[in-house]
Amino acid sequence: MDAVAASRVWVAVDPEGIEHEIVLRVGVPSLQPRGEWLAEATLDGLEKRSHRIAGVDAWQAVGLAMSFIASQVEDFESRDWRFSGDMVEIPSRRQISQNHFRLDDPHRCSERFPNHPRAQCRISAFPESAR
């Protein structure tokens, strides 16, 4: 992973009670030649491989990568793994879907940021190269 957009360190406890330090990471999305955006998702300490998650834009790629990590954590929990750490909850797939909005949508933007002019709603958390 070249550049990290977000990461979190947790402790995972496997079904036998052994602790493992894990690092959940989402990479900064990159625009691909065919127009899709890819964000890498990793669960270091749980899985050896990384996952390339595609979206129609950088925002969606990051949201889908976070949702993917949440689903992987849910899968490990269903197999009796437990997680602790800074315990800010990873949003579930359902929560991400319910809270998804596009900042460049004037209607949704004015609902979410009523005191800001429309132009200020066109923001990005990513560097120019990821827009």
N, C-alpha and C. Protein backbone atom coordinates (compact mmCIF):
# COMPACT_ATOMS: atom_id res chain seq x y z
N MET A 1 0.86 -1.17 0.00
CA MET A 1 0.00 0.00 0.00
C MET A 1 0.90 1.23 0.00
N ASP A 2 0.71 2.07 -1.00
CA ASP A 2 1.57 3.25 -1.13
C ASP A 2 1.25 4.32 -0.09
N ALA A 3 0.02 4.79 -0.07
CA ALA A 3 -0.38 5.84 0.86
C ALA A 3 -1.62 5.39 1.63
N VAL A 4 -1.62 5.63 2.92
CA VAL A 4 -2.72 5.19 3.79
C VAL A 4 -3.67 6.35 4.03
N ALA A 5 -4.96 6.13 3.75
CA ALA A 5 -5.99 7.13 4.01
C ALA A 5 -6.47 7.03 5.46
N ALA A 6 -6.54 5.81 5.99
CA ALA A 6 -7.02 5.60 7.36
C ALA A 6 -6.48 4.27 7.88
N SER A 7 -6.18 4.27 9.17
CA SER A 7 -5.74 3.01 9.79
C SER A 7 -6.16 2.99 11.25
N ARG A 8 -6.22 1.79 11.77
CA ARG A 8 -6.61 1.59 13.17
C ARG A 8 -5.90 0.35 13.68
N VAL A 9 -5.35 0.42 14.89
CA VAL A 9 -4.69 -0.72 15.52
C VAL A 9 -5.64 -1.32 16.55
N TRP A 10 -5.84 -2.62 16.45
CA TRP A 10 -6.69 -3.35 17.38
C TRP A 10 -5.94 -4.57 17.89
N VAL A 11 -6.51 -5.20 18.90
CA VAL A 11 -6.04 -6.50 19.36
C VAL A 11 -7.16 -7.48 19.05
N ALA A 12 -6.80 -8.56 18.38
CA ALA A 12 -7.74 -9.63 18.08
C ALA A 12 -7.41 -10.81 18.98
N VAL A 13 -8.43 -11.44 19.53
CA VAL A 13 -8.25 -12.63 20.35
C VAL A 13 -8.90 -13.79 19.60
N ASP A 14 -8.08 -14.77 19.24
CA ASP A 14 -8.59 -15.90 18.47
C ASP A 14 -9.39 -16.85 19.37
N PRO A 15 -10.06 -17.86 18.80
CA PRO A 15 -10.90 -18.76 19.59
C PRO A 15 -10.15 -19.51 20.69
N GLU A 16 -8.82 -19.65 20.55
CA GLU A 16 -8.02 -20.32 21.60
C GLU A 16 -7.55 -19.36 22.68
N GLY A 17 -7.90 -18.08 22.55
CA GLY A 17 -7.53 -17.08 23.56
C GLY A 17 -6.19 -16.40 23.32
N ILE A 18 -5.57 -16.62 22.16
CA ILE A 18 -4.28 -16.00 21.84
C ILE A 18 -4.51 -14.62 21.23
N GLU A 19 -3.79 -13.62 21.74
CA GLU A 19 -3.92 -12.25 21.25
C GLU A 19 -3.03 -12.00 20.04
N HIS A 20 -3.55 -11.23 19.10
CA HIS A 20 -2.82 -10.84 17.90
C HIS A 20 -3.02 -9.34 17.69
N GLU A 21 -1.93 -8.59 17.49
CA GLU A 21 -2.10 -7.18 17.13
C GLU A 21 -2.45 -7.12 15.64
N ILE A 22 -3.48 -6.38 15.32
CA ILE A 22 -3.88 -6.24 13.93
C ILE A 22 -3.93 -4.76 13.56
N VAL A 23 -3.72 -4.49 12.30
CA VAL A 23 -3.82 -3.13 11.78
C VAL A 23 -4.77 -3.16 10.60
N LEU A 24 -5.86 -2.41 10.74
CA LEU A 24 -6.85 -2.27 9.67
C LEU A 24 -6.48 -1.03 8.88
N ARG A 25 -6.34 -1.16 7.56
CA ARG A 25 -5.91 -0.02 6.74
C ARG A 25 -6.75 0.09 5.47
N VAL A 26 -6.99 1.35 5.09
CA VAL A 26 -7.58 1.67 3.79
C VAL A 26 -6.62 2.63 3.10
N GLY A 27 -6.24 2.28 1.87
CA GLY A 27 -5.31 3.12 1.13
C GLY A 27 -6.00 4.28 0.43
N VAL A 28 -5.21 5.28 0.10
CA VAL A 28 -5.70 6.40 -0.69
C VAL A 28 -6.08 5.87 -2.07
N PRO A 29 -7.29 6.16 -2.53
CA PRO A 29 -7.73 5.63 -3.82
C PRO A 29 -6.90 6.18 -4.98
N SER A 30 -6.81 5.38 -6.03
CA SER A 30 -6.11 5.82 -7.24
C SER A 30 -7.00 5.59 -8.45
N LEU A 31 -6.96 6.54 -9.37
CA LEU A 31 -7.74 6.45 -10.60
C LEU A 31 -7.06 5.47 -11.55
N GLN A 32 -7.82 4.54 -12.07
CA GLN A 32 -7.30 3.52 -12.97
C GLN A 32 -7.55 3.89 -14.42
N PRO A 33 -6.81 3.31 -15.34
CA PRO A 33 -6.94 3.67 -16.76
C PRO A 33 -8.35 3.53 -17.33
N ARG A 34 -9.14 2.61 -16.80
CA ARG A 34 -10.50 2.41 -17.32
C ARG A 34 -11.54 3.28 -16.61
N GLY A 35 -11.09 4.18 -15.71
CA GLY A 35 -11.99 5.14 -15.08
C GLY A 35 -12.44 4.80 -13.68
N GLU A 36 -12.24 3.58 -13.23
CA GLU A 36 -12.65 3.23 -11.87
C GLU A 36 -11.58 3.69 -10.87
N TRP A 37 -11.97 3.81 -9.62
CA TRP A 37 -11.06 4.18 -8.53
C TRP A 37 -10.84 2.95 -7.66
N LEU A 38 -9.59 2.69 -7.29
CA LEU A 38 -9.28 1.54 -6.44
C LEU A 38 -8.70 2.00 -5.12
N ALA A 39 -9.21 1.41 -4.04
CA ALA A 39 -8.66 1.63 -2.70
C ALA A 39 -8.28 0.26 -2.15
N GLU A 40 -7.10 0.17 -1.61
CA GLU A 40 -6.62 -1.09 -1.05
C GLU A 40 -7.10 -1.20 0.40
N ALA A 41 -7.56 -2.39 0.78
CA ALA A 41 -8.00 -2.68 2.15
C ALA A 41 -7.16 -3.83 2.69
N THR A 42 -6.60 -3.64 3.89
CA THR A 42 -5.81 -4.71 4.50
C THR A 42 -6.23 -4.92 5.95
N LEU A 43 -6.08 -6.16 6.38
CA LEU A 43 -6.31 -6.54 7.78
C LEU A 43 -5.04 -7.24 8.24
N ASP A 44 -3.96 -6.47 8.39
CA ASP A 44 -2.67 -7.03 8.78
C ASP A 44 -2.77 -7.70 10.14
N GLY A 45 -2.27 -8.91 10.22
CA GLY A 45 -2.35 -9.68 11.45
C GLY A 45 -3.48 -10.69 11.42
N LEU A 46 -4.44 -10.50 10.51
CA LEU A 46 -5.53 -11.46 10.32
C LEU A 46 -5.41 -12.15 8.97
N GLU A 47 -5.06 -11.38 7.96
CA GLU A 47 -4.94 -11.91 6.60
C GLU A 47 -3.61 -11.46 6.01
N LYS A 48 -3.02 -12.30 5.18
CA LYS A 48 -1.74 -11.94 4.54
C LYS A 48 -1.94 -11.10 3.29
N ARG A 49 -3.06 -11.25 2.63
CA ARG A 49 -3.27 -10.56 1.36
C ARG A 49 -3.98 -9.23 1.54
N SER A 50 -3.84 -8.38 0.55
CA SER A 50 -4.60 -7.13 0.53
C SER A 50 -5.72 -7.29 -0.49
N HIS A 51 -6.70 -6.43 -0.41
CA HIS A 51 -7.88 -6.49 -1.26
C HIS A 51 -8.01 -5.15 -1.99
N ARG A 52 -8.17 -5.19 -3.29
CA ARG A 52 -8.35 -3.98 -4.09
C ARG A 52 -9.86 -3.79 -4.30
N ILE A 53 -10.37 -2.69 -3.77
CA ILE A 53 -11.81 -2.41 -3.80
C ILE A 53 -12.06 -1.28 -4.79
N ALA A 54 -12.97 -1.50 -5.74
CA ALA A 54 -13.25 -0.53 -6.80
C ALA A 54 -14.51 0.27 -6.50
N GLY A 55 -14.48 1.53 -6.90
CA GLY A 55 -15.64 2.41 -6.80
C GLY A 55 -15.73 3.30 -8.02
N VAL A 56 -16.86 3.97 -8.18
CA VAL A 56 -17.03 4.87 -9.32
C VAL A 56 -16.28 6.18 -9.11
N ASP A 57 -15.98 6.50 -7.85
CA ASP A 57 -15.16 7.67 -7.53
C ASP A 57 -14.39 7.35 -6.25
N ALA A 58 -13.51 8.26 -5.85
CA ALA A 58 -12.66 8.03 -4.68
C ALA A 58 -13.49 7.85 -3.41
N TRP A 59 -14.54 8.63 -3.27
CA TRP A 59 -15.40 8.57 -2.08
C TRP A 59 -16.00 7.17 -1.95
N GLN A 60 -16.57 6.66 -3.04
CA GLN A 60 -17.19 5.34 -2.99
C GLN A 60 -16.16 4.25 -2.74
N ALA A 61 -14.98 4.36 -3.34
CA ALA A 61 -13.95 3.34 -3.15
C ALA A 61 -13.57 3.24 -1.67
N VAL A 62 -13.40 4.37 -1.00
CA VAL A 62 -13.06 4.34 0.43
C VAL A 62 -14.21 3.78 1.24
N GLY A 63 -15.44 4.21 0.96
CA GLY A 63 -16.60 3.69 1.69
C GLY A 63 -16.75 2.19 1.53
N LEU A 64 -16.56 1.70 0.30
CA LEU A 64 -16.66 0.27 0.07
C LEU A 64 -15.52 -0.50 0.73
N ALA A 65 -14.33 0.10 0.75
CA ALA A 65 -13.20 -0.56 1.42
C ALA A 65 -13.46 -0.67 2.93
N MET A 66 -14.02 0.40 3.53
CA MET A 66 -14.36 0.33 4.95
C MET A 66 -15.45 -0.70 5.20
N SER A 67 -16.42 -0.75 4.31
CA SER A 67 -17.50 -1.73 4.43
C SER A 67 -16.94 -3.15 4.30
N PHE A 68 -16.00 -3.34 3.39
CA PHE A 68 -15.37 -4.64 3.22
C PHE A 68 -14.65 -5.06 4.50
N ILE A 69 -13.88 -4.15 5.09
CA ILE A 69 -13.18 -4.46 6.34
C ILE A 69 -14.19 -4.81 7.42
N ALA A 70 -15.28 -4.05 7.51
CA ALA A 70 -16.32 -4.35 8.51
C ALA A 70 -16.89 -5.75 8.30
N SER A 71 -17.11 -6.14 7.04
CA SER A 71 -17.66 -7.48 6.80
C SER A 71 -16.65 -8.56 7.14
N GLN A 72 -15.36 -8.29 6.91
CA GLN A 72 -14.34 -9.27 7.27
C GLN A 72 -14.27 -9.43 8.80
N VAL A 73 -14.33 -8.33 9.53
CA VAL A 73 -14.32 -8.39 11.00
C VAL A 73 -15.55 -9.16 11.49
N GLU A 74 -16.72 -8.88 10.89
CA GLU A 74 -17.94 -9.61 11.26
C GLU A 74 -17.77 -11.11 11.01
N ASP A 75 -17.12 -11.47 9.91
CA ASP A 75 -16.89 -12.88 9.61
C ASP A 75 -16.00 -13.53 10.68
N PHE A 76 -14.92 -12.84 11.07
CA PHE A 76 -14.06 -13.39 12.13
C PHE A 76 -14.83 -13.49 13.44
N GLU A 77 -15.67 -12.50 13.75
CA GLU A 77 -16.47 -12.57 14.98
C GLU A 77 -17.41 -13.76 14.95
N SER A 78 -17.95 -14.09 13.78
CA SER A 78 -18.86 -15.24 13.68
C SER A 78 -18.11 -16.55 13.93
N ARG A 79 -16.78 -16.50 13.83
CA ARG A 79 -15.95 -17.69 14.09
C ARG A 79 -15.27 -17.59 15.46
N ASP A 80 -15.90 -16.84 16.37
CA ASP A 80 -15.49 -16.71 17.77
C ASP A 80 -14.21 -15.91 18.01
N TRP A 81 -13.83 -15.06 17.10
CA TRP A 81 -12.75 -14.10 17.35
C TRP A 81 -13.38 -12.91 18.07
N ARG A 82 -12.59 -12.24 18.91
CA ARG A 82 -13.04 -11.03 19.61
C ARG A 82 -12.03 -9.93 19.36
N PHE A 83 -12.49 -8.69 19.36
CA PHE A 83 -11.64 -7.56 19.02
C PHE A 83 -11.72 -6.48 20.08
N SER A 84 -10.57 -5.86 20.35
CA SER A 84 -10.53 -4.71 21.26
C SER A 84 -9.42 -3.79 20.80
N GLY A 85 -9.47 -2.57 21.29
CA GLY A 85 -8.47 -1.57 20.91
C GLY A 85 -8.99 -0.21 21.25
N ASP A 86 -8.87 0.71 20.31
CA ASP A 86 -9.40 2.04 20.58
C ASP A 86 -10.91 2.07 20.45
N MET A 87 -11.49 0.98 20.10
CA MET A 87 -12.91 0.64 20.15
C MET A 87 -13.86 1.71 19.61
N VAL A 88 -13.40 2.50 18.68
CA VAL A 88 -14.34 3.28 17.90
C VAL A 88 -14.87 2.30 16.88
N GLU A 89 -16.15 2.12 16.87
CA GLU A 89 -16.75 1.05 16.08
C GLU A 89 -16.54 1.24 14.59
N ILE A 90 -16.22 0.17 13.89
CA ILE A 90 -16.20 0.19 12.43
C ILE A 90 -17.65 0.18 11.98
N PRO A 91 -18.02 1.10 11.09
CA PRO A 91 -19.41 1.08 10.64
C PRO A 91 -19.72 -0.21 9.89
N SER A 92 -20.92 -0.73 10.11
CA SER A 92 -21.33 -1.94 9.40
C SER A 92 -21.70 -1.57 7.97
N ARG A 93 -21.85 -2.59 7.13
CA ARG A 93 -22.27 -2.34 5.75
C ARG A 93 -23.59 -1.57 5.74
N ARG A 94 -24.51 -1.91 6.61
CA ARG A 94 -25.82 -1.25 6.66
C ARG A 94 -25.68 0.21 7.06
N GLN A 95 -24.84 0.48 8.08
CA GLN A 95 -24.65 1.86 8.51
C GLN A 95 -24.03 2.70 7.40
N ILE A 96 -23.06 2.16 6.69
CA ILE A 96 -22.45 2.91 5.60
C ILE A 96 -23.49 3.20 4.52
N SER A 97 -24.31 2.21 4.17
CA SER A 97 -25.33 2.42 3.15
C SER A 97 -26.34 3.47 3.58
N GLN A 98 -26.75 3.45 4.85
CA GLN A 98 -27.73 4.41 5.33
C GLN A 98 -27.17 5.82 5.40
N ASN A 99 -25.88 5.95 5.65
CA ASN A 99 -25.28 7.27 5.82
C ASN A 99 -24.58 7.77 4.57
N HIS A 100 -24.66 7.01 3.47
CA HIS A 100 -23.95 7.39 2.25
C HIS A 100 -24.61 8.62 1.64
N PHE A 101 -23.81 9.59 1.31
CA PHE A 101 -24.28 10.75 0.56
C PHE A 101 -23.11 11.29 -0.23
N ARG A 102 -23.43 12.01 -1.28
CA ARG A 102 -22.39 12.63 -2.09
C ARG A 102 -22.34 14.11 -1.74
N LEU A 103 -21.14 14.59 -1.42
CA LEU A 103 -21.00 15.99 -1.06
C LEU A 103 -21.24 16.91 -2.24
N ASP A 104 -21.13 16.42 -3.47
CA ASP A 104 -21.35 17.30 -4.61
C ASP A 104 -22.81 17.30 -5.05
N ASP A 105 -23.68 16.63 -4.31
CA ASP A 105 -25.12 16.67 -4.56
C ASP A 105 -25.68 17.87 -3.80
N PRO A 106 -26.10 18.94 -4.49
CA PRO A 106 -26.52 20.17 -3.79
C PRO A 106 -27.63 19.96 -2.78
N HIS A 107 -28.60 19.09 -3.09
CA HIS A 107 -29.71 18.86 -2.16
C HIS A 107 -29.22 18.21 -0.87
N ARG A 108 -28.47 17.12 -0.99
CA ARG A 108 -27.97 16.41 0.19
C ARG A 108 -26.99 17.29 0.95
N CYS A 109 -26.18 18.05 0.21
CA CYS A 109 -25.19 18.90 0.84
C CYS A 109 -25.87 19.97 1.70
N SER A 110 -26.91 20.60 1.18
CA SER A 110 -27.58 21.65 1.95
C SER A 110 -28.29 21.07 3.17
N GLU A 111 -28.75 19.82 3.09
CA GLU A 111 -29.34 19.17 4.26
C GLU A 111 -28.29 18.93 5.33
N ARG A 112 -27.13 18.47 4.90
CA ARG A 112 -26.08 18.08 5.83
C ARG A 112 -25.32 19.28 6.39
N PHE A 113 -25.15 20.33 5.55
CA PHE A 113 -24.40 21.51 5.94
C PHE A 113 -25.24 22.76 5.66
N PRO A 114 -26.30 23.01 6.45
CA PRO A 114 -27.23 24.09 6.13
C PRO A 114 -26.61 25.49 6.20
N ASN A 115 -25.53 25.69 6.92
CA ASN A 115 -24.95 27.02 7.07
C ASN A 115 -23.79 27.28 6.12
N HIS A 116 -23.57 26.37 5.18
CA HIS A 116 -22.47 26.53 4.24
C HIS A 116 -23.01 26.74 2.83
N PRO A 117 -22.39 27.65 2.08
CA PRO A 117 -22.82 27.81 0.68
C PRO A 117 -22.52 26.55 -0.12
N ARG A 118 -23.24 26.38 -1.19
CA ARG A 118 -23.12 25.18 -2.02
C ARG A 118 -21.68 24.90 -2.44
N ALA A 119 -20.93 25.92 -2.78
CA ALA A 119 -19.56 25.72 -3.26
C ALA A 119 -18.68 25.03 -2.22
N GLN A 120 -18.94 25.27 -0.94
CA GLN A 120 -18.11 24.67 0.09
C GLN A 120 -18.40 23.18 0.27
N CYS A 121 -19.43 22.69 -0.35
CA CYS A 121 -19.75 21.27 -0.22
C CYS A 121 -18.92 20.42 -1.15
N ARG A 122 -18.21 21.00 -2.06
CA ARG A 122 -17.35 20.25 -2.97
C ARG A 122 -15.99 20.08 -2.34
N ILE A 123 -15.91 19.18 -1.36
CA ILE A 123 -14.67 18.94 -0.64
C ILE A 123 -14.22 17.51 -0.83
N SER A 124 -12.98 17.26 -0.51
CA SER A 124 -12.45 15.91 -0.58
C SER A 124 -11.41 15.74 0.51
N ALA A 125 -11.36 14.54 1.07
CA ALA A 125 -10.36 14.23 2.10
C ALA A 125 -9.08 13.71 1.46
N PHE A 126 -9.00 13.70 0.14
CA PHE A 126 -7.88 13.11 -0.56
C PHE A 126 -7.05 14.17 -1.26
N PRO A 127 -5.77 13.91 -1.48
CA PRO A 127 -4.94 14.85 -2.21
C PRO A 127 -5.42 15.02 -3.64
N GLU A 128 -4.97 16.08 -4.30
CA GLU A 128 -5.38 16.38 -5.67
C GLU A 128 -5.27 15.16 -6.57
N SER A 129 -4.23 14.37 -6.41
CA SER A 129 -4.02 13.21 -7.29
C SER A 129 -5.11 12.15 -7.15
N ALA A 130 -5.87 12.17 -6.05
CA ALA A 130 -6.91 11.16 -5.83
C ALA A 130 -8.30 11.67 -6.16
N ARG A 131 -8.42 12.88 -6.66
CA ARG A 131 -9.74 13.42 -6.97
C ARG A 131 -10.20 13.03 -8.34
